[in-house]
Amino acid sequence: MNCTVTYPREDYQNGSMFQYINACYPSKQNYQDNLIKTCAISFFVLIPGILGNIFLIIIVKRTRSLHSATNYYLVNLAVIDLSIALGNALPYLIYELELLQTLSNILGFLVCPFNSFTQSKSQLNFHLIASSVTSVSGNTLTLTMIAVDRYFGIMHPLKSYITDRRASHFILLIWMISSALAFPIFFYSSWKFRIWNNRIEFFCSGNIHPRFDLRYSSRISSDSFQ
């Protein structure tokens, strides 16, 4: 590892995401190598994830014998995974690779609220906090309904408690509950920039009262799924 005289460190209190001090830090070449490895792994995860979920949705839709409550829940999980891949992972790669600076800034402005809305984290008060947002709550509620459906299928095989029509209603209810939990975060998250040390820094932040800190938000998230 080559050492330089600068070391970037989060220093939000002084008004910047980076503070340069004398320390040992990987060289630019090592940083680029790590970035290439990270992006390569992300591509290997992203592409199969997108194609696999799309194929699952198409197969279930075109195969009438697969039209069942359990498969509808699986399709719902696939839709949630696609929203994460297309709304978070793909813009992340574009931003990290800096393919187009202007495009990166536009994506940041558009995706910042959506990222907090779809994924299980949001940068509020410069901390990544666990929140009961759409992907976490949607996945959890969908898996819960699959477990309930399997329970009735095993314990009461001769009775049909969860029909296909009821399953569609439950899926709609899942999205309504998940969206309601994420609704405040969608408006609190914003894409901001500031000038520091002759450079422009872009970041996703949120405007919320300090009392809603990491411990408080984590407690809400844990209580939501107990």
Protein backbone atom coordinates (compact mmCIF):
# COMPACT_ATOMS: atom_id res chain seq x y z
CA MET A 1 0.00 0.00 0.00
CA ASN A 2 1.40 3.40 -1.01
CA CYS A 3 0.96 6.18 1.51
CA THR A 4 0.14 9.77 0.75
CA VAL A 5 -0.02 12.82 2.97
CA THR A 6 -3.79 13.17 2.74
CA TYR A 7 -6.54 11.08 4.17
CA PRO A 8 -10.23 11.76 3.48
CA ARG A 9 -12.40 11.49 6.53
CA GLU A 10 -16.02 12.39 7.21
CA ASP A 11 -16.13 15.70 9.02
CA TYR A 12 -19.70 16.90 8.84
CA GLN A 13 -19.46 19.28 11.78
CA ASN A 14 -16.89 21.40 9.93
CA GLY A 15 -19.15 21.64 6.92
CA SER A 16 -17.59 19.09 4.62
CA MET A 17 -17.72 15.42 3.82
CA PHE A 18 -13.91 15.30 3.64
CA GLN A 19 -11.17 16.52 5.93
CA TYR A 20 -7.58 16.14 4.77
CA ILE A 21 -5.01 15.26 7.42
CA ASN A 22 -1.58 13.66 7.45
CA ALA A 23 -2.12 9.93 7.40
CA CYS A 24 -1.50 6.78 5.43
CA TYR A 25 -4.05 6.28 2.70
CA PRO A 26 -4.17 4.01 -0.39
CA SER A 27 -2.85 5.56 -3.56
CA LYS A 28 -5.08 6.62 -6.43
CA GLN A 29 -4.18 3.45 -8.32
CA ASN A 30 -5.31 1.27 -5.41
CA TYR A 31 -8.54 3.22 -5.21
CA GLN A 32 -9.18 2.69 -8.92
CA ASP A 33 -8.45 -1.03 -8.59
CA ASN A 34 -10.91 -1.32 -5.71
CA LEU A 35 -13.50 0.62 -7.69
CA ILE A 36 -13.12 -1.72 -10.67
CA LYS A 37 -13.53 -4.78 -8.45
CA THR A 38 -16.57 -3.31 -6.73
CA CYS A 39 -18.24 -2.39 -10.02
CA ALA A 40 -17.44 -5.78 -11.56
CA ILE A 41 -19.04 -7.60 -8.64
CA SER A 42 -22.02 -5.24 -8.80
CA PHE A 43 -22.49 -5.98 -12.50
CA PHE A 44 -22.42 -9.74 -11.87
CA VAL A 45 -25.10 -9.30 -9.20
CA LEU A 46 -27.16 -6.64 -10.99
CA ILE A 47 -27.57 -8.23 -14.42
CA PRO A 48 -28.71 -11.71 -13.22
CA GLY A 49 -30.93 -10.02 -10.65
CA ILE A 50 -32.73 -7.94 -13.25
CA LEU A 51 -33.03 -10.71 -15.85
CA GLY A 52 -34.00 -13.37 -13.31
CA ASN A 53 -36.80 -11.31 -11.81
CA ILE A 54 -38.11 -10.31 -15.23
CA PHE A 55 -38.14 -13.95 -16.38
CA LEU A 56 -39.98 -14.96 -13.22
CA ILE A 57 -42.70 -12.38 -13.81
CA ILE A 58 -43.09 -13.35 -17.48
CA ILE A 59 -43.20 -17.10 -16.76
CA VAL A 60 -45.83 -16.77 -14.05
CA LYS A 61 -47.91 -14.45 -16.21
CA ARG A 62 -47.87 -16.72 -19.29
CA THR A 63 -48.30 -20.04 -17.48
CA ARG A 64 -51.88 -20.38 -16.30
CA SER A 65 -51.08 -23.35 -14.06
CA LEU A 66 -48.79 -21.10 -12.03
CA HIS A 67 -51.55 -18.62 -11.24
CA SER A 68 -51.76 -19.26 -7.50
CA ALA A 69 -51.63 -17.15 -4.37
CA THR A 70 -48.10 -18.26 -3.47
CA ASN A 71 -46.75 -17.47 -6.93
CA TYR A 72 -48.43 -14.08 -6.85
CA TYR A 73 -46.49 -13.33 -3.69
CA LEU A 74 -43.28 -14.46 -5.41
CA VAL A 75 -44.03 -12.11 -8.29
CA ASN A 76 -44.51 -9.32 -5.79
CA LEU A 77 -41.07 -10.07 -4.32
CA ALA A 78 -39.62 -9.95 -7.84
CA VAL A 79 -41.17 -6.54 -8.45
CA ILE A 80 -39.68 -5.22 -5.20
CA ASP A 81 -36.24 -6.58 -6.12
CA LEU A 82 -36.49 -4.95 -9.55
CA SER A 83 -37.31 -1.60 -7.98
CA ILE A 84 -34.16 -1.88 -5.86
CA ALA A 85 -31.99 -2.91 -8.82
CA LEU A 86 -33.25 -0.24 -11.21
CA GLY A 87 -33.83 2.51 -8.69
CA ASN A 88 -30.73 2.10 -6.56
CA ALA A 89 -28.04 -0.29 -7.82
CA LEU A 90 -27.98 0.91 -11.44
CA PRO A 91 -27.80 4.64 -10.63
CA TYR A 92 -25.15 3.82 -8.02
CA LEU A 93 -22.93 2.26 -10.70
CA ILE A 94 -23.40 5.23 -13.02
CA TYR A 95 -22.56 7.63 -10.21
CA GLU A 96 -19.52 5.70 -8.98
CA LEU A 97 -18.10 5.25 -12.46
CA GLU A 98 -18.75 8.93 -13.24
CA LEU A 99 -19.82 8.00 -16.75
CA LEU A 100 -21.41 11.40 -17.18
CA GLN A 101 -21.03 14.00 -14.46
CA THR A 102 -24.19 15.84 -15.50
CA LEU A 103 -26.12 12.59 -15.74
CA SER A 104 -24.80 11.58 -12.32
CA ASN A 105 -26.04 14.82 -10.80
CA ILE A 106 -29.43 14.46 -12.45
CA LEU A 107 -29.69 10.86 -11.25
CA GLY A 108 -28.70 11.94 -7.78
CA PHE A 109 -31.38 14.62 -7.73
CA LEU A 110 -34.04 12.19 -8.94
CA VAL A 111 -32.93 9.04 -7.15
CA CYS A 112 -32.08 10.48 -3.74
CA PRO A 113 -35.71 10.51 -2.49
CA PHE A 114 -36.53 7.33 -4.41
CA ASN A 115 -33.50 5.55 -2.94
CA SER A 116 -34.65 6.39 0.57
CA PHE A 117 -38.17 5.42 -0.42
CA THR A 118 -37.25 2.01 -1.85
CA GLN A 119 -34.33 0.84 0.20
CA SER A 120 -33.77 0.30 3.89
CA LYS A 121 -31.63 3.31 4.60
CA SER A 122 -31.69 7.07 4.40
CA GLN A 123 -29.01 9.62 5.19
CA LEU A 124 -30.70 11.75 7.82
CA ASN A 125 -28.53 14.03 9.98
CA PHE A 126 -25.57 12.54 8.07
CA HIS A 127 -26.16 9.08 9.50
CA LEU A 128 -27.34 5.98 7.68
CA ILE A 129 -30.39 4.93 9.65
CA ALA A 130 -32.51 1.82 9.39
CA SER A 131 -36.03 2.79 8.35
CA SER A 132 -39.27 0.95 7.74
CA VAL A 133 -39.29 1.77 4.05
CA THR A 134 -40.81 0.10 1.06
CA SER A 135 -38.36 -2.68 0.25
CA VAL A 136 -37.86 -3.90 3.82
CA SER A 137 -41.49 -3.70 4.84
CA GLY A 138 -42.72 -4.99 1.48
CA ASN A 139 -40.42 -8.01 1.56
CA THR A 140 -41.21 -8.72 5.19
CA LEU A 141 -44.98 -8.49 4.75
CA THR A 142 -44.89 -10.56 1.56
CA LEU A 143 -42.84 -13.32 3.21
CA THR A 144 -45.27 -13.22 6.13
CA MET A 145 -48.20 -13.75 3.79
CA ILE A 146 -46.37 -16.65 2.12
CA ALA A 147 -45.91 -18.24 5.55
CA VAL A 148 -49.60 -17.71 6.36
CA ASP A 149 -50.62 -19.20 3.02
CA ARG A 150 -48.42 -22.27 3.60
CA TYR A 151 -49.79 -22.66 7.13
CA PHE A 152 -53.38 -22.89 5.90
CA GLY A 153 -52.28 -25.11 3.02
CA ILE A 154 -50.71 -27.62 5.44
CA MET A 155 -53.03 -27.39 8.43
CA HIS A 156 -56.28 -27.02 6.48
CA PRO A 157 -55.66 -28.58 3.05
CA LEU A 158 -59.35 -29.05 2.28
CA LYS A 159 -60.28 -25.42 2.82
CA SER A 160 -59.23 -22.50 0.68
CA TYR A 161 -58.76 -19.54 2.97
CA ILE A 162 -56.53 -17.44 0.71
CA THR A 163 -57.88 -17.37 -2.83
CA ASP A 164 -56.17 -15.74 -5.79
CA ARG A 165 -58.48 -12.75 -5.49
CA ARG A 166 -57.72 -12.36 -1.80
CA ALA A 167 -54.00 -12.66 -2.52
CA SER A 168 -54.19 -9.73 -4.94
CA HIS A 169 -55.98 -7.71 -2.27
CA PHE A 170 -53.32 -8.59 0.28
CA ILE A 171 -50.57 -7.55 -2.17
CA LEU A 172 -52.29 -4.21 -2.69
CA LEU A 173 -52.52 -3.80 1.08
CA ILE A 174 -48.81 -4.63 1.42
CA TRP A 175 -47.88 -1.84 -0.99
CA MET A 176 -50.18 0.61 0.76
CA ILE A 177 -48.67 -0.14 4.18
CA SER A 178 -45.10 -0.06 2.86
CA SER A 179 -45.67 3.23 1.05
CA ALA A 180 -47.28 4.76 4.12
CA LEU A 181 -44.24 3.85 6.23
CA ALA A 182 -41.87 5.36 3.67
CA PHE A 183 -43.98 8.41 2.84
CA PRO A 184 -42.29 10.89 5.24
CA ILE A 185 -38.77 9.84 4.21
CA PHE A 186 -39.61 10.48 0.57
CA PHE A 187 -40.11 14.18 1.29
CA TYR A 188 -37.35 14.61 3.89
CA SER A 189 -34.59 13.31 1.58
CA SER A 190 -33.04 15.82 -0.79
CA TRP A 191 -30.05 16.08 -3.14
CA LYS A 192 -27.73 18.89 -2.04
CA PHE A 193 -24.36 20.34 -2.94
CA ARG A 194 -21.80 22.61 -1.33
CA ILE A 195 -18.45 24.15 -2.24
CA TRP A 196 -15.51 23.24 -0.04
CA ASN A 197 -11.78 23.35 -0.74
CA ASN A 198 -12.43 24.54 -4.31
CA ARG A 199 -14.56 21.53 -5.14
CA ILE A 200 -18.26 20.84 -5.40
CA GLU A 201 -19.58 18.04 -3.22
CA PHE A 202 -22.92 16.41 -3.97
CA PHE A 203 -24.65 14.36 -1.31
CA CYS A 204 -28.00 12.94 -0.32
CA SER A 205 -29.24 14.41 2.93
CA GLY A 206 -32.43 14.92 4.85
CA ASN A 207 -34.11 17.68 6.78
CA ILE A 208 -35.56 16.21 9.92
CA HIS A 209 -35.54 17.07 13.59
CA PRO A 210 -32.41 15.89 15.47
CA ARG A 211 -34.51 13.92 17.93
CA PHE A 212 -35.11 11.34 15.20
CA ASP A 213 -31.57 10.02 15.51
CA LEU A 214 -30.09 6.58 14.80
CA ARG A 215 -31.20 4.92 18.02
CA TYR A 216 -34.75 6.26 17.78
CA SER A 217 -35.16 5.27 14.12
CA SER A 218 -33.66 1.83 14.72
CA ARG A 219 -36.09 1.29 17.59
CA ILE A 220 -39.03 2.19 15.37
CA SER A 221 -37.82 -0.22 12.69
CA SER A 222 -37.35 -3.09 15.13
CA ASP A 223 -40.73 -2.51 16.78
CA SER A 224 -42.45 -2.45 13.38
CA PHE A 225 -41.58 -6.08 12.68
CA GLN A 226 -41.84 -7.61 16.15
